Every structure is written in C-alpha cells, then in structure tokens.
C-alpha cells in the first residue's frame, strides 16, 4: 500500500508540475523524507524533488534499457531534467467524522534544464 505522503508527491505535486509546464512526460521522484508518512499532520513543511523523464539513448549507454516497438529496438534511460520545490500548506477542513487536517503544495518552484529538456523533446519526435 502506498503512503499518503508518497501519493501527495507522486500525484498532487506532479499534477501541479504538469499544469505549469505543459509537459506531461515529467515525473516527480519521491524524496526520502516524504516516504512512508501516513498522516498529513506529519508531512514535512517543505519538499524538494528531482523531475525525471525517460529519454532515448544508445545501446552503449551503461544505464540504457532496451525495448521493442513495431519490430524496431530502442534504448532509453531515466534522467533528471530539473527540480521542483514547494512548501506545504496545512488547513483544517470539515470531514465526514468531524474536522481534519488537509495539505496542499504552496509556493511551487520549478527549475528545468532547458537544454536537456529540448533534446528530450527532439528525441520524442
């Protein structure tokens, strides 16, 4: 089962990155300090994570993994293309069993390696 802190990073922060950049191929690597937290009350007050994407590469790359599409062999690897940082905004909301704490990302800052990202976009064409 996935901890709610990991879902927060993997879904909510990722969706914010997609909304702001328009680049749906970006994924957020869950930071170590955000793993295994089951209560929003225990979320860290801020976070910083790597933005990663799968890029094409050559068979000579030691990190390459091979895959076949329509009879042709391709090589790819996952690489860091930027970072995202945020502060965690806590609020009290009315829930089904009374009041509960909710959390959302605030002050989201995205830094992309545009040179690497442009080569990624060209490799997808």
Protein backbone atom coordinates (compact mmCIF):
# COMPACT_ATOMS: atom_id res chain seq x y z
CA UNK A 1 0.00 0.00 0.00
CA UNK A 2 1.28 3.47 -0.87
CA UNK A 3 1.64 6.04 1.92
CA UNK A 4 -0.42 9.23 1.55
CA UNK A 5 2.76 11.30 1.60
CA UNK A 6 4.01 9.46 -1.48
CA UNK A 7 0.67 9.98 -3.23
CA UNK A 8 0.87 13.69 -2.33
CA UNK A 9 4.23 13.99 -4.16
CA UNK A 10 3.52 11.49 -6.94
CA UNK A 11 0.07 12.85 -7.83
CA UNK A 12 -0.63 16.32 -6.42
CA UNK A 13 2.82 17.87 -6.85
CA UNK A 14 3.26 16.09 -10.21
CA UNK A 15 -0.09 17.41 -11.46
CA UNK A 16 0.97 20.94 -10.48
CA UNK A 17 4.22 20.48 -12.47
CA UNK A 18 2.22 19.27 -15.48
CA UNK A 19 -0.22 22.17 -15.19
CA UNK A 20 2.54 24.78 -15.02
CA UNK A 21 4.90 23.34 -17.64
CA UNK A 22 2.51 21.60 -20.02
CA UNK A 23 5.00 18.72 -20.17
CA UNK A 24 3.16 15.52 -19.28
CA UNK A 25 6.25 13.30 -19.64
CA UNK A 26 7.79 14.69 -16.43
CA UNK A 27 7.61 12.60 -13.26
CA UNK A 28 8.47 13.62 -9.69
CA UNK A 29 10.98 11.44 -7.84
CA UNK A 30 9.70 11.00 -4.28
CA UNK A 31 12.26 12.37 -1.77
CA UNK A 32 13.41 10.08 1.04
CA UNK A 33 11.93 12.33 3.75
CA UNK A 34 8.49 12.10 2.09
CA UNK A 35 8.29 8.29 2.11
CA UNK A 36 6.15 6.24 4.48
CA UNK A 37 4.14 9.02 6.16
CA UNK A 38 0.54 8.02 6.88
CA UNK A 39 -0.82 11.22 8.47
CA UNK A 40 -0.97 14.64 6.86
CA UNK A 41 -0.14 16.08 10.29
CA UNK A 42 3.32 14.51 9.94
CA UNK A 43 4.08 15.87 6.46
CA UNK A 44 7.29 17.92 6.26
CA UNK A 45 6.72 21.68 5.99
CA UNK A 46 8.51 21.74 2.64
CA UNK A 47 9.92 19.47 -0.02
CA UNK A 48 12.32 19.34 -2.91
CA UNK A 49 12.39 16.62 -5.54
CA UNK A 50 14.03 15.76 -8.82
CA UNK A 51 12.00 15.94 -12.01
CA UNK A 52 12.78 12.93 -14.16
CA UNK A 53 11.90 11.80 -17.67
CA UNK A 54 12.67 8.83 -19.86
CA UNK A 55 14.97 9.82 -22.72
CA UNK A 56 16.24 7.90 -25.72
CA UNK A 57 19.88 6.89 -25.73
CA UNK A 58 22.24 4.42 -27.44
CA UNK A 59 22.96 0.79 -26.67
CA UNK A 60 26.45 1.86 -25.49
CA UNK A 61 24.99 3.83 -22.56
CA UNK A 62 25.53 1.76 -19.36
CA UNK A 63 22.16 2.95 -17.99
CA UNK A 64 20.23 2.03 -21.14
CA UNK A 65 17.35 -0.39 -21.13
CA UNK A 66 16.12 -1.93 -24.35
CA UNK A 67 12.55 -2.13 -25.60
CA UNK A 68 10.95 -3.08 -28.90
CA UNK A 69 8.20 -1.18 -30.68
CA UNK A 70 6.79 -2.26 -34.04
CA UNK A 71 9.71 -4.58 -34.61
CA UNK A 72 12.38 -1.93 -34.00
CA UNK A 73 14.72 -1.95 -30.99
CA UNK A 74 15.09 1.26 -28.96
CA UNK A 75 17.20 2.20 -25.95
CA UNK A 76 16.19 4.60 -23.19
CA UNK A 77 17.10 5.67 -19.67
CA UNK A 78 15.55 7.74 -16.91
CA UNK A 79 17.37 11.01 -16.29
CA UNK A 80 17.00 14.14 -14.16
CA UNK A 81 15.71 17.13 -16.14
CA UNK A 82 15.08 19.58 -13.30
CA UNK A 83 13.84 20.11 -9.76
CA UNK A 84 10.61 21.11 -8.06
CA UNK A 85 10.37 22.59 -4.58
CA UNK A 86 7.33 23.54 -2.51
CA UNK A 87 6.11 24.49 0.91
CA UNK A 88 3.30 22.51 2.44
CA UNK A 89 0.15 24.49 3.21
CA UNK A 90 -1.90 22.97 6.01
CA UNK A 91 -5.59 23.73 6.57
CA UNK A 92 -8.44 22.43 8.68
CA UNK A 93 -11.44 21.14 6.74
CA UNK A 94 -14.77 19.63 7.71
CA UNK A 95 -14.66 15.90 7.10
CA UNK A 96 -17.21 13.11 7.43
CA UNK A 97 -16.15 12.38 11.03
CA UNK A 98 -15.52 15.98 12.06
CA UNK A 99 -12.67 18.32 11.35
CA UNK A 100 -9.45 17.07 9.80
CA UNK A 101 -6.16 18.44 8.53
CA UNK A 102 -5.61 18.80 4.80
CA UNK A 103 -2.36 19.59 2.98
CA UNK A 104 -1.57 21.12 -0.39
CA UNK A 105 1.58 22.30 -2.15
CA UNK A 106 2.17 26.05 -2.00
CA UNK A 107 4.89 28.30 -3.40
CA UNK A 108 5.80 25.70 -6.00
CA UNK A 109 9.08 26.47 -7.79
CA UNK A 110 10.11 24.54 -10.89
CA UNK A 111 13.61 24.69 -12.36
CA UNK A 112 14.12 22.86 -15.66
CA UNK A 113 17.34 22.12 -17.51
CA UNK A 114 16.06 23.59 -20.78
CA UNK A 115 18.99 22.31 -22.86
CA UNK A 116 18.40 18.75 -21.69
CA UNK A 117 14.63 19.12 -21.91
CA UNK A 118 14.85 20.41 -25.51
CA UNK A 119 16.98 17.42 -26.51
CA UNK A 120 14.40 15.19 -24.80
CA UNK A 121 11.57 16.76 -26.78
CA UNK A 122 13.53 16.37 -30.03
CA UNK A 123 14.19 12.70 -29.25
CA UNK A 124 10.44 12.13 -28.89
CA UNK A 125 9.72 13.35 -32.44
